[in-house]
Amino acid sequence: MFVLGIFRNLIVAYAITSFILGIVFVWRFKGEGIVPIREITRTMGQVALVVALFFTLLFVADLSGTLETGLYDSMDDNVPEMTTARGLATAIGFFALTFGGTLLAMFAVLVGGFGIIGMIYVFLVGGTPKLIEKLEGITRREDTESKLIMWFFGIPEALDTDLVLVDEPAPETRFPWDRFRAAVLWQVAFGIILAIYVSLNPWLLREFSMGELFRFMSSAFVVLPILVLPWFIHMRLSARYKGVSKDFYFYKAFKDRFTGLIIASGTLLIFLKFAYETSSIEEILAAFSSYIFIMVLCIIAFTFIYFNFFE
């Protein structure tokens, strides 16, 4: 519990720092998006309106006794009789709270996303040129850092590393949907795999409940952009070594190494089998569903911010 608490506190601190920095990054990059920030905020307002109307209709149906949704509960016998005027006022209040809460939550995700992606951007701007310079002419006969870099990228010793080739990216006037979809899918895949490793881990389940571990993962997924989005700067630059039969692309090396590190053969199946033996399939699916829903929405938002404002 102590270790999990430390990690949770670190993630909370990271999220708070991201939100504070996000205010700065919103102000700095608000005029540089492929999709203007005013169009994004207008879309957020429209989404909040649709969400509020949908839930208000459900609330009114529950209020009138037409449909049992659980949104309205009048167990208190002292509640005055629901007249038409009181029902209308209650529905309007519910709509206002739902609309305002949804809009506020989306703005919080937007600002926090700017902070998370902004920190990645600062890292990439400062680190990518140094990494490419380090990769140029690298050999295993150099220092330990060079050996680790060659291992991480899976660079064959026979490969000529004297020259790193990069292409100058052309300015984009349209949103890069292909790279966006690829980045979202990789982050979601890693998020699911990490959730299995943490939330269905037989050793962790001896100390924590599955619900506690999934609640931890519901905040821990904010690290996923850090694991995946740095690949895509190398994809945009087409950074590579010239090979005899085919070129060696750094983007593919990043992807292959992270995939190999996270997906250990057979381990996921063992964890799933253990979880199935100790918990009902309904409990596992319910926990995964709520986690994946929140994760996917946030990952889509964060990745959109990266490709729209920072790439």
C-alpha atoms as a PDB file:
ATOM      1  CA  MET A   1       0.000   0.000   0.000  1.00  0.00           C
ATOM      2  CA  PHE A   2       2.904   2.351   0.811  1.00  0.00           C
ATOM      3  CA  VAL A   3       4.561   1.925  -2.603  1.00  0.00           C
ATOM      4  CA  LEU A   4       1.267   2.306  -4.451  1.00  0.00           C
ATOM      5  CA  GLY A   5       0.563   5.450  -2.437  1.00  0.00           C
ATOM      6  CA  ILE A   6       3.930   6.932  -3.442  1.00  0.00           C
ATOM      7  CA  PHE A   7       3.262   6.255  -7.118  1.00  0.00           C
ATOM      8  CA  ARG A   8      -0.232   7.715  -6.812  1.00  0.00           C
ATOM      9  CA  ASN A   9       1.136  10.865  -5.150  1.00  0.00           C
ATOM     10  CA  LEU A  10       3.764  11.232  -7.877  1.00  0.00           C
ATOM     11  CA  ILE A  11       1.120  10.929 -10.575  1.00  0.00           C
ATOM     12  CA  VAL A  12      -1.115  13.464  -8.815  1.00  0.00           C
ATOM     13  CA  ALA A  13       1.830  15.866  -8.542  1.00  0.00           C
ATOM     14  CA  TYR A  14       2.576  15.293 -12.226  1.00  0.00           C
ATOM     15  CA  ALA A  15      -1.045  15.985 -13.150  1.00  0.00           C
ATOM     16  CA  ILE A  16      -1.168  19.197 -11.068  1.00  0.00           C
ATOM     17  CA  THR A  17       2.119  20.392 -12.573  1.00  0.00           C
ATOM     18  CA  SER A  18       0.798  19.604 -16.060  1.00  0.00           C
ATOM     19  CA  PHE A  19      -2.350  21.628 -15.413  1.00  0.00           C
ATOM     20  CA  ILE A  20      -0.381  24.650 -14.185  1.00  0.00           C
ATOM     21  CA  LEU A  21       2.035  24.489 -17.115  1.00  0.00           C
ATOM     22  CA  GLY A  22      -0.909  23.857 -19.419  1.00  0.00           C
ATOM     23  CA  ILE A  23      -2.185  27.392 -18.799  1.00  0.00           C
ATOM     24  CA  VAL A  24       1.168  28.720 -20.046  1.00  0.00           C
ATOM     25  CA  PHE A  25       1.251  26.414 -23.082  1.00  0.00           C
ATOM     26  CA  VAL A  26      -2.358  27.257 -24.044  1.00  0.00           C
ATOM     27  CA  TRP A  27      -1.449  30.925 -24.096  1.00  0.00           C
ATOM     28  CA  ARG A  28       1.771  30.266 -26.052  1.00  0.00           C
ATOM     29  CA  PHE A  29       0.391  27.892 -28.718  1.00  0.00           C
ATOM     30  CA  LYS A  30      -3.256  28.978 -29.002  1.00  0.00           C
ATOM     31  CA  GLY A  31      -2.640  30.612 -32.394  1.00  0.00           C
ATOM     32  CA  GLU A  32      -0.592  27.824 -33.964  1.00  0.00           C
ATOM     33  CA  GLY A  33      -3.034  24.949 -34.387  1.00  0.00           C
ATOM     34  CA  ILE A  34      -4.097  23.413 -37.682  1.00  0.00           C
ATOM     35  CA  VAL A  35      -7.586  23.457 -36.187  1.00  0.00           C
ATOM     36  CA  PRO A  36      -8.011  26.883 -34.485  1.00  0.00           C
ATOM     37  CA  ILE A  37      -8.511  26.914 -30.722  1.00  0.00           C
ATOM     38  CA  ARG A  38     -11.788  28.825 -31.119  1.00  0.00           C
ATOM     39  CA  GLU A  39     -13.184  26.005 -33.262  1.00  0.00           C
ATOM     40  CA  ILE A  40     -12.088  23.472 -30.647  1.00  0.00           C
ATOM     41  CA  THR A  41     -13.792  25.381 -27.823  1.00  0.00           C
ATOM     42  CA  ARG A  42     -16.939  25.765 -29.944  1.00  0.00           C
ATOM     43  CA  THR A  43     -16.984  22.000 -30.557  1.00  0.00           C
ATOM     44  CA  MET A  44     -16.498  21.407 -26.826  1.00  0.00           C
ATOM     45  CA  GLY A  45     -19.540  23.580 -26.138  1.00  0.00           C
ATOM     46  CA  GLN A  46     -21.592  21.628 -28.686  1.00  0.00           C
ATOM     47  CA  VAL A  47     -20.533  18.287 -27.174  1.00  0.00           C
ATOM     48  CA  ALA A  48     -21.373  19.525 -23.674  1.00  0.00           C
ATOM     49  CA  LEU A  49     -24.773  20.653 -24.937  1.00  0.00           C
ATOM     50  CA  VAL A  50     -25.525  17.251 -26.511  1.00  0.00           C
ATOM     51  CA  VAL A  51     -24.396  15.407 -23.358  1.00  0.00           C
ATOM     52  CA  ALA A  52     -26.479  17.689 -21.120  1.00  0.00           C
ATOM     53  CA  LEU A  53     -29.585  17.325 -23.302  1.00  0.00           C
ATOM     54  CA  PHE A  54     -29.224  13.531 -23.419  1.00  0.00           C
ATOM     55  CA  PHE A  55     -28.920  13.112 -19.671  1.00  0.00           C
ATOM     56  CA  THR A  56     -31.600  15.716 -18.996  1.00  0.00           C
ATOM     57  CA  LEU A  57     -34.037  13.743 -21.168  1.00  0.00           C
ATOM     58  CA  LEU A  58     -33.197  10.614 -19.160  1.00  0.00           C
ATOM     59  CA  PHE A  59     -33.633  12.603 -15.952  1.00  0.00           C
ATOM     60  CA  VAL A  60     -37.044  13.920 -17.051  1.00  0.00           C
ATOM     61  CA  ALA A  61     -38.126  10.398 -18.040  1.00  0.00           C
ATOM     62  CA  ASP A  62     -37.135   9.187 -14.563  1.00  0.00           C
ATOM     63  CA  LEU A  63     -38.774  12.211 -12.939  1.00  0.00           C
ATOM     64  CA  SER A  64     -42.067  11.506 -14.674  1.00  0.00           C
ATOM     65  CA  GLY A  65     -41.924   7.790 -13.892  1.00  0.00           C
ATOM     66  CA  THR A  66     -41.717   6.841 -17.575  1.00  0.00           C
ATOM     67  CA  LEU A  67     -38.290   5.204 -17.297  1.00  0.00           C
ATOM     68  CA  GLU A  68     -36.147   4.073 -14.351  1.00  0.00           C
ATOM     69  CA  THR A  69     -32.649   5.494 -14.936  1.00  0.00           C
ATOM     70  CA  GLY A  70     -31.390   6.105 -11.413  1.00  0.00           C
ATOM     71  CA  LEU A  71     -30.752   9.806 -12.147  1.00  0.00           C
ATOM     72  CA  TYR A  72     -33.657  10.903  -9.944  1.00  0.00           C
ATOM     73  CA  ASP A  73     -34.230   9.401  -6.528  1.00  0.00           C
ATOM     74  CA  SER A  74     -37.014  10.698  -4.285  1.00  0.00           C
ATOM     75  CA  MET A  75     -36.789   8.296  -1.350  1.00  0.00           C
ATOM     76  CA  ASP A  76     -37.390  11.121   1.089  1.00  0.00           C
ATOM     77  CA  ASP A  77     -41.066  11.164   2.095  1.00  0.00           C
ATOM     78  CA  ASN A  78     -40.775  14.870   3.027  1.00  0.00           C
ATOM     79  CA  VAL A  79     -40.141  15.925  -0.597  1.00  0.00           C
ATOM     80  CA  PRO A  80     -43.012  18.203  -1.723  1.00  0.00           C
ATOM     81  CA  GLU A  81     -45.320  16.982  -4.444  1.00  0.00           C
ATOM     82  CA  MET A  82     -43.711  17.383  -7.873  1.00  0.00           C
ATOM     83  CA  THR A  83     -45.803  19.943  -9.715  1.00  0.00           C
ATOM     84  CA  THR A  84     -45.212  20.902 -13.358  1.00  0.00           C
ATOM     85  CA  ALA A  85     -43.450  24.116 -12.385  1.00  0.00           C
ATOM     86  CA  ARG A  86     -41.250  22.395  -9.794  1.00  0.00           C
ATOM     87  CA  GLY A  87     -40.455  19.599 -12.271  1.00  0.00           C
ATOM     88  CA  LEU A  88     -39.487  22.134 -14.946  1.00  0.00           C
ATOM     89  CA  ALA A  89     -37.251  24.031 -12.525  1.00  0.00           C
ATOM     90  CA  THR A  90     -35.620  20.767 -11.392  1.00  0.00           C
ATOM     91  CA  ALA A  91     -34.983  19.718 -15.005  1.00  0.00           C
ATOM     92  CA  ILE A  92     -33.487  23.121 -15.873  1.00  0.00           C
ATOM     93  CA  GLY A  93     -31.225  22.953 -12.825  1.00  0.00           C
ATOM     94  CA  PHE A  94     -30.118  19.429 -13.753  1.00  0.00           C
ATOM     95  CA  PHE A  95     -29.392  20.561 -17.333  1.00  0.00           C
ATOM     96  CA  ALA A  96     -27.355  23.551 -16.132  1.00  0.00           C
ATOM     97  CA  LEU A  97     -25.299  21.440 -13.737  1.00  0.00           C
ATOM     98  CA  THR A  98     -24.700  18.721 -16.349  1.00  0.00           C
ATOM     99  CA  PHE A  99     -23.760  21.223 -19.073  1.00  0.00           C
ATOM    100  CA  GLY A 100     -21.468  23.207 -16.787  1.00  0.00           C
ATOM    101  CA  GLY A 101     -19.849  20.110 -15.277  1.00  0.00           C
ATOM    102  CA  THR A 102     -19.217  18.517 -18.682  1.00  0.00           C
ATOM    103  CA  LEU A 103     -17.773  21.724 -20.112  1.00  0.00           C
ATOM    104  CA  LEU A 104     -15.591  22.263 -17.046  1.00  0.00           C
ATOM    105  CA  ALA A 105     -14.286  18.677 -17.244  1.00  0.00           C
ATOM    106  CA  MET A 106     -13.421  19.076 -20.935  1.00  0.00           C
ATOM    107  CA  PHE A 107     -11.601  22.355 -20.284  1.00  0.00           C
ATOM    108  CA  ALA A 108      -9.649  20.669 -17.476  1.00  0.00           C
ATOM    109  CA  VAL A 109      -8.628  17.863 -19.857  1.00  0.00           C
ATOM    110  CA  LEU A 110      -7.700  20.430 -22.523  1.00  0.00           C
ATOM    111  CA  VAL A 111      -5.502  22.497 -20.216  1.00  0.00           C
ATOM    112  CA  GLY A 112      -3.967  19.426 -18.552  1.00  0.00           C
ATOM    113  CA  GLY A 113      -3.355  17.924 -21.988  1.00  0.00           C
ATOM    114  CA  PHE A 114      -1.531  21.072 -23.101  1.00  0.00           C
ATOM    115  CA  GLY A 115       0.697  20.733 -20.031  1.00  0.00           C
ATOM    116  CA  ILE A 116       1.465  17.042 -20.596  1.00  0.00           C
ATOM    117  CA  ILE A 117       2.109  17.460 -24.323  1.00  0.00           C
ATOM    118  CA  GLY A 118       3.968  20.720 -23.768  1.00  0.00           C
ATOM    119  CA  MET A 119       6.470  18.996 -21.473  1.00  0.00           C
ATOM    120  CA  ILE A 120       6.951  16.255 -24.096  1.00  0.00           C
ATOM    121  CA  TYR A 121       7.460  18.971 -26.716  1.00  0.00           C
ATOM    122  CA  VAL A 122      10.160  20.692 -24.659  1.00  0.00           C
ATOM    123  CA  PHE A 123      11.897  17.338 -24.184  1.00  0.00           C
ATOM    124  CA  LEU A 124      11.724  16.544 -27.918  1.00  0.00           C
ATOM    125  CA  VAL A 125      12.983  19.956 -29.008  1.00  0.00           C
ATOM    126  CA  GLY A 126      15.965  19.710 -26.684  1.00  0.00           C
ATOM    127  CA  GLY A 127      16.608  15.973 -26.904  1.00  0.00           C
ATOM    128  CA  THR A 128      15.940  14.921 -30.503  1.00  0.00           C
ATOM    129  CA  PRO A 129      18.890  16.783 -32.110  1.00  0.00           C
ATOM    130  CA  LYS A 130      21.230  15.443 -29.411  1.00  0.00           C
ATOM    131  CA  LEU A 131      19.943  11.897 -29.889  1.00  0.00           C
ATOM    132  CA  ILE A 132      20.395  12.057 -33.676  1.00  0.00           C
ATOM    133  CA  GLU A 133      23.887  13.470 -33.190  1.00  0.00           C
ATOM    134  CA  LYS A 134      24.649  10.608 -30.781  1.00  0.00           C
ATOM    135  CA  LEU A 135      23.302   8.013 -33.227  1.00  0.00           C
ATOM    136  CA  GLU A 136      25.516   9.298 -36.010  1.00  0.00           C
ATOM    137  CA  GLY A 137      28.628   7.119 -36.092  1.00  0.00           C
ATOM    138  CA  ILE A 138      27.689   5.183 -32.944  1.00  0.00           C
ATOM    139  CA  THR A 139      29.407   1.828 -32.283  1.00  0.00           C
ATOM    140  CA  ARG A 140      29.374  -0.770 -29.508  1.00  0.00           C
ATOM    141  CA  ARG A 141      33.055  -0.079 -28.911  1.00  0.00           C
ATOM    142  CA  GLU A 142      32.210   3.256 -27.337  1.00  0.00           C
ATOM    143  CA  ASP A 143      30.962   4.000 -23.811  1.00  0.00           C
ATOM    144  CA  THR A 144      28.172   2.235 -21.917  1.00  0.00           C
ATOM    145  CA  GLU A 145      25.624   4.845 -23.004  1.00  0.00           C
ATOM    146  CA  SER A 146      26.329   4.054 -26.674  1.00  0.00           C
ATOM    147  CA  LYS A 147      25.944   0.325 -26.024  1.00  0.00           C
ATOM    148  CA  LEU A 148      22.585   0.922 -24.321  1.00  0.00           C
ATOM    149  CA  ILE A 149      21.377   3.120 -27.184  1.00  0.00           C
ATOM    150  CA  MET A 150      22.360   0.492 -29.755  1.00  0.00           C
ATOM    151  CA  TRP A 151      20.586  -2.190 -27.707  1.00  0.00           C
ATOM    152  CA  PHE A 152      17.459  -0.067 -27.333  1.00  0.00           C
ATOM    153  CA  PHE A 153      17.232   0.687 -31.042  1.00  0.00           C
ATOM    154  CA  GLY A 154      18.320  -2.821 -32.009  1.00  0.00           C
ATOM    155  CA  ILE A 155      21.028  -1.474 -34.302  1.00  0.00           C
ATOM    156  CA  PRO A 156      22.976  -4.314 -35.980  1.00  0.00           C
ATOM    157  CA  GLU A 157      26.755  -4.063 -35.645  1.00  0.00           C
ATOM    158  CA  ALA A 158      27.169  -4.554 -39.398  1.00  0.00           C
ATOM    159  CA  LEU A 159      25.014  -1.493 -40.163  1.00  0.00           C
ATOM    160  CA  ASP A 160      26.825   1.615 -41.392  1.00  0.00           C
ATOM    161  CA  THR A 161      25.979   4.284 -38.810  1.00  0.00           C
ATOM    162  CA  ASP A 162      28.260   7.036 -40.121  1.00  0.00           C
ATOM    163  CA  LEU A 163      25.365   9.058 -41.528  1.00  0.00           C
ATOM    164  CA  VAL A 164      21.856   9.679 -40.227  1.00  0.00           C
ATOM    165  CA  LEU A 165      19.406  10.733 -42.932  1.00  0.00           C
ATOM    166  CA  VAL A 166      16.461  13.001 -42.110  1.00  0.00           C
ATOM    167  CA  ASP A 167      13.860  14.606 -44.362  1.00  0.00           C
ATOM    168  CA  GLU A 168      12.642  18.145 -43.921  1.00  0.00           C
ATOM    169  CA  PRO A 169       8.940  17.819 -43.071  1.00  0.00           C
ATOM    170  CA  ALA A 170       6.654  19.765 -45.367  1.00  0.00           C
ATOM    171  CA  PRO A 171       4.274  22.251 -43.713  1.00  0.00           C
ATOM    172  CA  GLU A 172       0.850  20.710 -43.173  1.00  0.00           C
ATOM    173  CA  THR A 173      -2.426  22.498 -43.780  1.00  0.00           C
ATOM    174  CA  ARG A 174      -4.580  19.456 -42.966  1.00  0.00           C
ATOM    175  CA  PHE A 175      -4.753  17.502 -39.758  1.00  0.00           C
ATOM    176  CA  PRO A 176      -2.590  14.308 -39.966  1.00  0.00           C
ATOM    177  CA  TRP A 177      -5.350  11.787 -39.274  1.00  0.00           C
ATOM    178  CA  ASP A 178      -3.202   8.758 -40.218  1.00  0.00           C
ATOM    179  CA  ARG A 179      -0.489   9.528 -37.648  1.00  0.00           C
ATOM    180  CA  PHE A 180      -3.135  10.560 -35.127  1.00  0.00           C
ATOM    181  CA  ARG A 181      -4.988   7.243 -35.429  1.00  0.00           C
ATOM    182  CA  ALA A 182      -1.750   5.254 -35.219  1.00  0.00           C
ATOM    183  CA  ALA A 183      -0.655   7.121 -32.073  1.00  0.00           C
ATOM    184  CA  VAL A 184      -4.060   6.672 -30.389  1.00  0.00           C
ATOM    185  CA  LEU A 185      -4.166   2.946 -31.174  1.00  0.00           C
ATOM    186  CA  TRP A 186      -0.652   2.362 -29.816  1.00  0.00           C
ATOM    187  CA  GLN A 187      -1.392   4.255 -26.598  1.00  0.00           C
ATOM    188  CA  VAL A 188      -4.684   2.438 -26.059  1.00  0.00           C
ATOM    189  CA  ALA A 189      -2.989  -0.915 -26.701  1.00  0.00           C
ATOM    190  CA  PHE A 190      -0.221  -0.113 -24.204  1.00  0.00           C
ATOM    191  CA  GLY A 191      -2.796   1.197 -21.729  1.00  0.00           C
ATOM    192  CA  ILE A 192      -4.696  -2.091 -21.850  1.00  0.00           C
ATOM    193  CA  ILE A 193      -1.507  -4.142 -21.528  1.00  0.00           C
ATOM    194  CA  LEU A 194      -0.264  -2.063 -18.572  1.00  0.00           C
ATOM    195  CA  ALA A 195      -3.689  -2.372 -16.919  1.00  0.00           C
ATOM    196  CA  ILE A 196      -3.447  -6.153 -17.208  1.00  0.00           C
ATOM    197  CA  TYR A 197       0.070  -6.154 -15.764  1.00  0.00           C
ATOM    198  CA  VAL A 198      -0.886  -3.952 -12.817  1.00  0.00           C
ATOM    199  CA  SER A 199      -4.567  -4.603 -12.095  1.00  0.00           C
ATOM    200  CA  LEU A 200      -4.575  -8.368 -12.727  1.00  0.00           C
ATOM    201  CA  ASN A 201      -1.116  -9.014 -11.289  1.00  0.00           C
ATOM    202  CA  PRO A 202      -1.396 -11.993  -8.880  1.00  0.00           C
ATOM    203  CA  TRP A 203       1.257 -10.572  -6.542  1.00  0.00           C
ATOM    204  CA  LEU A 204      -0.402  -7.136  -6.329  1.00  0.00           C
ATOM    205  CA  LEU A 205      -3.840  -8.708  -5.897  1.00  0.00           C
ATOM    206  CA  ARG A 206      -2.616 -10.293  -2.661  1.00  0.00           C
ATOM    207  CA  GLU A 207      -2.255  -6.812  -1.166  1.00  0.00           C
ATOM    208  CA  PHE A 208      -4.862  -4.732  -3.051  1.00  0.00           C
ATOM    209  CA  SER A 209      -8.311  -5.245  -4.459  1.00  0.00           C
ATOM    210  CA  MET A 210      -8.865  -5.176  -8.203  1.00  0.00           C
ATOM    211  CA  GLY A 211     -10.886  -1.981  -7.778  1.00  0.00           C
ATOM    212  CA  GLU A 212      -7.999  -0.208  -6.010  1.00  0.00           C
ATOM    213  CA  LEU A 213      -5.562  -1.190  -8.756  1.00  0.00           C
ATOM    214  CA  PHE A 214      -7.897  -0.060 -11.533  1.00  0.00           C
ATOM    215  CA  ARG A 215      -8.455   3.247  -9.743  1.00  0.00           C
ATOM    216  CA  PHE A 216      -4.685   3.675  -9.658  1.00  0.00           C
ATOM    217  CA  MET A 217      -4.455   2.896 -13.382  1.00  0.00           C
ATOM    218  CA  SER A 218      -7.228   5.418 -14.086  1.00  0.00           C
ATOM    219  CA  SER A 219      -4.743   8.150 -13.193  1.00  0.00           C
ATOM    220  CA  ALA A 220      -1.529   6.380 -14.252  1.00  0.00           C
ATOM    221  CA  PHE A 221      -2.469   6.327 -17.954  1.00  0.00           C
ATOM    222  CA  VAL A 222      -1.338   9.977 -18.218  1.00  0.00           C
ATOM    223  CA  VAL A 223       2.193   8.596 -18.741  1.00  0.00           C
ATOM    224  CA  LEU A 224       1.193   6.842 -21.990  1.00  0.00           C
ATOM    225  CA  PRO A 225       1.855   9.879 -24.242  1.00  0.00           C
ATOM    226  CA  ILE A 226       5.412   9.994 -22.864  1.00  0.00           C
ATOM    227  CA  LEU A 227       5.963   6.386 -23.985  1.00  0.00           C
ATOM    228  CA  VAL A 228       4.482   6.675 -27.479  1.00  0.00           C
ATOM    229  CA  LEU A 229       4.441  10.211 -28.896  1.00  0.00           C
ATOM    230  CA  PRO A 230       8.270  10.651 -29.044  1.00  0.00           C
ATOM    231  CA  TRP A 231       8.326   7.936 -31.753  1.00  0.00           C
ATOM    232  CA  PHE A 232       6.358  10.147 -34.088  1.00  0.00           C
ATOM    233  CA  ILE A 233       8.904  12.954 -34.335  1.00  0.00           C
ATOM    234  CA  HIS A 234      11.247  10.371 -35.880  1.00  0.00           C
ATOM    235  CA  MET A 235       8.425   9.186 -38.132  1.00  0.00           C
ATOM    236  CA  ARG A 236       7.789  12.778 -39.303  1.00  0.00           C
ATOM    237  CA  LEU A 237      11.504  13.327 -39.943  1.00  0.00           C
ATOM    238  CA  SER A 238      11.962   9.845 -41.500  1.00  0.00           C
ATOM    239  CA  ALA A 239      15.162   9.610 -39.416  1.00  0.00           C
ATOM    240  CA  ARG A 240      17.090   6.554 -40.607  1.00  0.00           C
ATOM    241  CA  TYR A 241      20.348   4.878 -41.517  1.00  0.00           C
ATOM    242  CA  LYS A 242      20.930   4.035 -45.160  1.00  0.00           C
ATOM    243  CA  GLY A 243      20.950   0.250 -45.539  1.00  0.00           C
ATOM    244  CA  VAL A 244      22.152  -2.014 -48.334  1.00  0.00           C
ATOM    245  CA  SER A 245      18.751  -3.597 -49.040  1.00  0.00           C
ATOM    246  CA  LYS A 246      16.470  -1.368 -46.950  1.00  0.00           C
ATOM    247  CA  ASP A 247      16.836   1.610 -44.667  1.00  0.00           C
ATOM    248  CA  PHE A 248      16.835   1.316 -40.858  1.00  0.00           C
ATOM    249  CA  TYR A 249      14.108   3.650 -39.522  1.00  0.00           C
ATOM    250  CA  PHE A 250      14.332   4.890 -35.932  1.00  0.00           C
ATOM    251  CA  TYR A 251      10.539   5.084 -35.650  1.00  0.00           C
ATOM    252  CA  LYS A 252      10.192   1.369 -36.273  1.00  0.00           C
ATOM    253  CA  ALA A 253      13.068   0.663 -33.849  1.00  0.00           C
ATOM    254  CA  PHE A 254      11.295   2.689 -31.113  1.00  0.00           C
ATOM    255  CA  LYS A 255       8.037   0.841 -31.732  1.00  0.00           C
ATOM    256  CA  ASP A 256       9.614  -2.618 -31.800  1.00  0.00           C
ATOM    257  CA  ARG A 257      11.653  -2.079 -28.630  1.00  0.00           C
ATOM    258  CA  PHE A 258       8.768  -0.719 -26.544  1.00  0.00           C
ATOM    259  CA  THR A 259       6.529  -3.499 -27.770  1.00  0.00           C
ATOM    260  CA  GLY A 260       9.129  -6.075 -26.780  1.00  0.00           C
ATOM    261  CA  LEU A 261       9.660  -4.522 -23.353  1.00  0.00           C
ATOM    262  CA  ILE A 262       5.976  -4.343 -22.467  1.00  0.00           C
ATOM    263  CA  ILE A 263       4.672  -7.558 -24.005  1.00  0.00           C
ATOM    264  CA  ALA A 264       6.438 -10.512 -22.418  1.00  0.00           C
ATOM    265  CA  SER A 265       5.465 -13.759 -24.100  1.00  0.00           C
ATOM    266  CA  GLY A 266       2.970 -15.754 -22.066  1.00  0.00           C
ATOM    267  CA  THR A 267       2.900 -13.391 -19.067  1.00  0.00           C
ATOM    268  CA  LEU A 268      -0.343 -11.685 -20.055  1.00  0.00           C
ATOM    269  CA  LEU A 269      -2.100 -15.027 -20.486  1.00  0.00           C
ATOM    270  CA  ILE A 270      -0.922 -16.137 -17.041  1.00  0.00           C
ATOM    271  CA  PHE A 271      -2.276 -12.941 -15.443  1.00  0.00           C
ATOM    272  CA  LEU A 272      -5.598 -13.251 -17.276  1.00  0.00           C
ATOM    273  CA  LYS A 273      -5.923 -16.895 -16.227  1.00  0.00           C
ATOM    274  CA  PHE A 274      -5.209 -16.023 -12.577  1.00  0.00           C
ATOM    275  CA  ALA A 275      -7.687 -13.131 -12.634  1.00  0.00           C
ATOM    276  CA  TYR A 276     -10.375 -15.357 -14.148  1.00  0.00           C
ATOM    277  CA  GLU A 277      -9.823 -17.927 -11.394  1.00  0.00           C
ATOM    278  CA  THR A 278     -10.053 -15.357  -8.573  1.00  0.00           C
ATOM    279  CA  SER A 279     -12.718 -12.969  -9.936  1.00  0.00           C
ATOM    280  CA  SER A 280     -15.862 -13.252 -11.992  1.00  0.00           C
ATOM    281  CA  ILE A 281     -15.730 -12.351 -15.652  1.00  0.00           C
ATOM    282  CA  GLU A 282     -18.414  -9.712 -15.017  1.00  0.00           C
ATOM    283  CA  GLU A 283     -16.236  -8.006 -12.390  1.00  0.00           C
ATOM    284  CA  ILE A 284     -13.207  -7.969 -14.701  1.00  0.00           C
ATOM    285  CA  LEU A 285     -15.181  -6.618 -17.671  1.00  0.00           C
ATOM    286  CA  ALA A 286     -16.878  -3.932 -15.568  1.00  0.00           C
ATOM    287  CA  ALA A 287     -13.538  -2.721 -14.190  1.00  0.00           C
ATOM    288  CA  PHE A 288     -11.932  -2.739 -17.641  1.00  0.00           C
ATOM    289  CA  SER A 289     -14.875  -0.963 -19.279  1.00  0.00           C
ATOM    290  CA  SER A 290     -14.806   2.062 -16.972  1.00  0.00           C
ATOM    291  CA  TYR A 291     -11.003   2.292 -17.171  1.00  0.00           C
ATOM    292  CA  ILE A 292     -10.879   1.998 -20.972  1.00  0.00           C
ATOM    293  CA  PHE A 293     -13.686   4.550 -21.441  1.00  0.00           C
ATOM    294  CA  ILE A 294     -11.863   7.257 -19.464  1.00  0.00           C
ATOM    295  CA  MET A 295      -8.463   6.333 -20.899  1.00  0.00           C
ATOM    296  CA  VAL A 296      -9.593   6.414 -24.542  1.00  0.00           C
ATOM    297  CA  LEU A 297     -11.306   9.811 -24.184  1.00  0.00           C
ATOM    298  CA  CYS A 298      -8.234  11.387 -22.551  1.00  0.00           C
ATOM    299  CA  ILE A 299      -5.761   9.753 -24.948  1.00  0.00           C
ATOM    300  CA  ILE A 300      -7.744  11.038 -27.934  1.00  0.00           C
ATOM    301  CA  ALA A 301      -7.689  14.553 -26.449  1.00  0.00           C
ATOM    302  CA  PHE A 302      -3.966  14.495 -25.597  1.00  0.00           C
ATOM    303  CA  THR A 303      -2.969  13.061 -28.980  1.00  0.00           C
ATOM    304  CA  PHE A 304      -5.102  15.592 -30.839  1.00  0.00           C
ATOM    305  CA  ILE A 305      -3.377  18.401 -28.944  1.00  0.00           C
ATOM    306  CA  TYR A 306       0.047  17.014 -29.902  1.00  0.00           C
ATOM    307  CA  PHE A 307      -0.604  16.692 -33.631  1.00  0.00           C
ATOM    308  CA  ASN A 308      -2.655  19.875 -33.882  1.00  0.00           C
ATOM    309  CA  PHE A 309      -0.421  22.277 -31.952  1.00  0.00           C
ATOM    310  CA  PHE A 310       3.005  20.802 -31.253  1.00  0.00           C
ATOM    311  CA  GLU A 311       4.227  18.381 -33.931  1.00  0.00           C
END
